[in-house]
Protein backbone atom coordinates (compact mmCIF):
# COMPACT_ATOMS: atom_id res chain seq x y z
CA MET A 1 -0.31 0.20 -0.12
CA GLN A 2 1.33 3.68 -0.93
CA SER A 3 0.73 6.66 1.43
CA ALA A 4 0.17 10.04 0.62
CA ASP A 5 3.58 10.74 -0.08
CA GLY A 6 4.12 7.62 -1.90
CA GLY A 7 5.82 5.87 0.65
CA GLU A 8 5.19 2.18 1.17
CA THR A 9 2.75 1.65 4.09
CA ILE A 10 2.18 -1.14 6.25
CA PHE A 11 -0.42 -1.43 9.25
CA GLY A 12 -0.62 2.34 8.81
CA HIS A 13 2.98 3.18 9.35
CA THR A 14 5.42 3.89 6.69
CA VAL A 15 7.98 1.70 6.02
CA ALA A 16 10.66 4.36 6.63
CA GLU A 17 9.22 5.17 10.48
CA LEU A 18 10.21 1.54 11.48
CA GLU A 19 13.26 2.01 13.44
CA GLY A 20 15.24 -1.54 14.20
CA ASP A 21 18.37 0.07 14.97
CA SER A 22 19.70 -1.35 18.13
CA LEU A 23 16.76 -4.20 18.41
CA ARG A 24 17.27 -7.61 19.75
CA ILE A 25 15.05 -10.09 18.00
CA ALA A 26 14.91 -13.87 18.11
CA ILE A 27 13.15 -16.13 15.65
CA VAL A 28 12.24 -19.49 16.17
CA GLN A 29 11.74 -21.86 12.98
CA ALA A 30 10.00 -25.02 12.64
CA ARG A 31 11.63 -27.72 10.19
CA PHE A 32 8.66 -29.26 9.46
CA ASN A 33 8.17 -28.06 5.66
CA VAL A 34 11.63 -26.39 5.73
CA HIS A 35 11.64 -25.74 2.03
CA ILE A 36 8.39 -23.22 2.92
CA THR A 37 9.91 -22.13 6.54
CA ASP A 38 13.38 -21.26 5.22
CA ARG A 39 11.62 -18.89 2.71
CA LEU A 40 9.58 -17.29 5.48
CA THR A 41 12.90 -17.20 7.64
CA GLN A 42 15.06 -15.74 4.36
CA ALA A 43 12.36 -12.92 3.80
CA CYS A 44 12.21 -12.15 7.39
CA LEU A 45 15.97 -11.70 7.95
CA GLY A 46 15.94 -9.57 4.60
CA GLU A 47 13.35 -7.26 5.81
CA LEU A 48 14.89 -6.96 9.38
CA ALA A 49 18.05 -5.86 7.54
CA GLU A 50 16.31 -3.13 5.63
CA LEU A 51 14.72 -2.13 8.89
CA GLY A 52 18.15 -1.66 10.45
CA VAL A 53 18.17 -4.69 12.49
CA ALA A 54 21.96 -5.93 12.82
CA LYS A 55 22.54 -9.53 12.49
CA LYS A 56 24.43 -9.52 15.41
CA TYR A 57 21.26 -8.76 17.27
CA ILE A 58 19.32 -11.06 15.65
CA GLU A 59 19.26 -15.01 17.42
CA HIS A 60 17.90 -17.90 15.23
CA HIS A 61 16.86 -21.27 16.72
CA SER A 62 15.37 -24.52 14.98
CA VAL A 63 12.85 -26.77 16.00
CA PRO A 64 10.96 -29.87 14.58
CA GLY A 65 7.79 -28.30 14.04
CA ALA A 66 4.97 -25.66 15.05
CA LEU A 67 4.01 -27.57 18.61
CA GLU A 68 7.62 -27.13 19.54
CA ILE A 69 7.60 -23.29 18.72
CA PRO A 70 6.07 -22.06 21.88
CA ILE A 71 8.47 -23.77 24.77
CA VAL A 72 11.54 -22.59 22.90
CA LEU A 73 9.67 -18.87 22.56
CA GLN A 74 8.64 -19.08 26.45
CA THR A 75 12.50 -19.70 27.53
CA LEU A 76 13.59 -16.77 25.32
CA ALA A 77 11.17 -14.66 26.55
CA GLN A 78 12.26 -15.62 30.08
CA ARG A 79 15.62 -14.22 29.53
CA GLN A 80 14.25 -10.78 28.69
CA ASP A 81 17.23 -10.47 26.20
CA PHE A 82 14.76 -9.53 23.28
CA ASP A 83 12.61 -6.71 22.00
CA ALA A 84 10.80 -8.93 19.96
CA LEU A 85 10.33 -12.67 18.97
CA ILE A 86 9.15 -14.46 15.88
CA ALA A 87 7.73 -17.55 15.20
CA ILE A 88 8.02 -19.18 12.05
CA GLY A 89 6.20 -22.31 10.80
CA CYS A 90 4.23 -24.04 7.94
CA VAL A 91 1.05 -26.23 8.75
CA ILE A 92 -0.50 -27.65 5.85
CA ARG A 93 -3.74 -29.25 6.22
CA GLY A 94 -4.05 -32.89 5.61
CA GLU A 95 -6.53 -35.71 5.65
CA THR A 96 -7.05 -35.60 9.63
CA TYR A 97 -7.71 -33.58 12.71
CA HIS A 98 -4.20 -33.23 13.05
CA PHE A 99 -3.85 -29.68 11.21
CA GLU A 100 -6.62 -28.23 13.34
CA LEU A 101 -4.60 -29.71 16.82
CA VAL A 102 -1.54 -28.17 15.49
CA CYS A 103 -2.77 -25.01 14.27
CA ASN A 104 -4.66 -24.22 17.26
CA GLU A 105 -2.26 -25.24 20.04
CA SER A 106 0.47 -23.73 18.55
CA ALA A 107 -1.10 -20.31 18.15
CA ALA A 108 -2.72 -20.59 21.73
CA GLY A 109 0.87 -21.22 23.13
CA ILE A 110 2.42 -18.25 21.21
CA THR A 111 -0.25 -15.87 22.26
CA ARG A 112 0.02 -16.97 25.82
CA ILE A 113 3.82 -16.52 26.27
CA GLY A 114 3.53 -13.10 24.41
CA LEU A 115 1.08 -12.10 26.98
CA ASP A 116 2.36 -13.83 30.05
CA HIS A 117 6.02 -12.18 29.40
CA GLN A 118 4.70 -9.00 27.89
CA THR A 119 6.81 -9.47 24.71
CA PRO A 120 5.80 -8.74 21.40
CA ILE A 121 5.56 -12.37 19.45
CA VAL A 122 5.02 -12.38 15.68
CA ASN A 123 2.83 -15.53 14.77
CA ALA A 124 4.15 -16.21 11.38
CA VAL A 125 3.03 -19.81 11.17
CA LEU A 126 1.38 -20.31 7.95
CA THR A 127 -1.81 -22.46 8.06
CA THR A 128 -2.75 -23.00 4.34
CA GLU A 129 -4.75 -25.87 2.51
CA ASN A 130 -1.99 -26.93 0.38
CA GLU A 131 1.72 -26.34 -0.66
CA ASP A 132 1.05 -23.69 -3.30
CA GLN A 133 -0.95 -21.67 -1.06
CA ALA A 134 2.06 -21.80 1.58
CA LEU A 135 4.50 -20.95 -1.39
CA ALA A 136 2.60 -18.17 -2.45
CA ARG A 137 2.22 -16.70 0.91
CA ALA A 138 5.90 -17.46 2.17
CA ASP A 139 7.85 -14.44 1.15
CA ASP A 140 5.02 -11.75 1.95
CA LYS A 141 4.37 -13.12 5.30
CA GLY A 142 8.22 -13.39 6.11
CA ARG A 143 8.27 -9.81 5.50
CA ASP A 144 5.48 -8.75 7.28
CA ALA A 145 6.82 -10.80 10.30
CA ALA A 146 9.84 -8.49 10.47
CA ARG A 147 7.96 -5.05 10.00
CA VAL A 148 5.42 -6.53 12.57
CA ALA A 149 8.27 -7.22 15.23
CA VAL A 150 9.81 -3.80 15.11
CA GLU A 151 6.82 -1.83 15.08
CA MET A 152 5.80 -3.81 18.20
CA ALA A 153 8.89 -3.49 19.72
CA ASN A 154 9.12 0.20 18.90
CA LEU A 155 5.56 0.62 20.47
CA MET A 156 6.35 -1.44 23.59
CA GLU A 157 9.24 0.94 24.10
CA GLU A 158 7.09 4.32 23.57
CA LEU A 159 4.25 2.98 26.10
CA SER A 160 7.17 1.90 28.98
């Protein structure tokens, strides 16, 4: 989307307003559907760099799947070393109820940890009907995750 002055906007802010300098951010990436989660992560890392987040201030952890993301997020949030955390994963609908279970429990855990620790946590766990949908969304969702993390870290700093 374009702002009135022609700059790109995200969630009502111009990208230029998002300030990532000195922010510390951790990413927890699920390896299940790794060809998609790698794309999400690369897009996220690229956007974090564009927003000024130094590579040395980004910590990246890998877990088996979406259900394992919350426990690592919780451990990272307890350390109080990060301005924002990003959960990256991809759950694609299968033929069983397992899809709903994984999506719901992963999202609930991610949300609870953010609230319990008052730490911005971006949920970039794609939940799609098929692989084509996931691939079509991966790059945009990865970039959006970076922007949301920086915006929320900036906002939490302003509010404190």
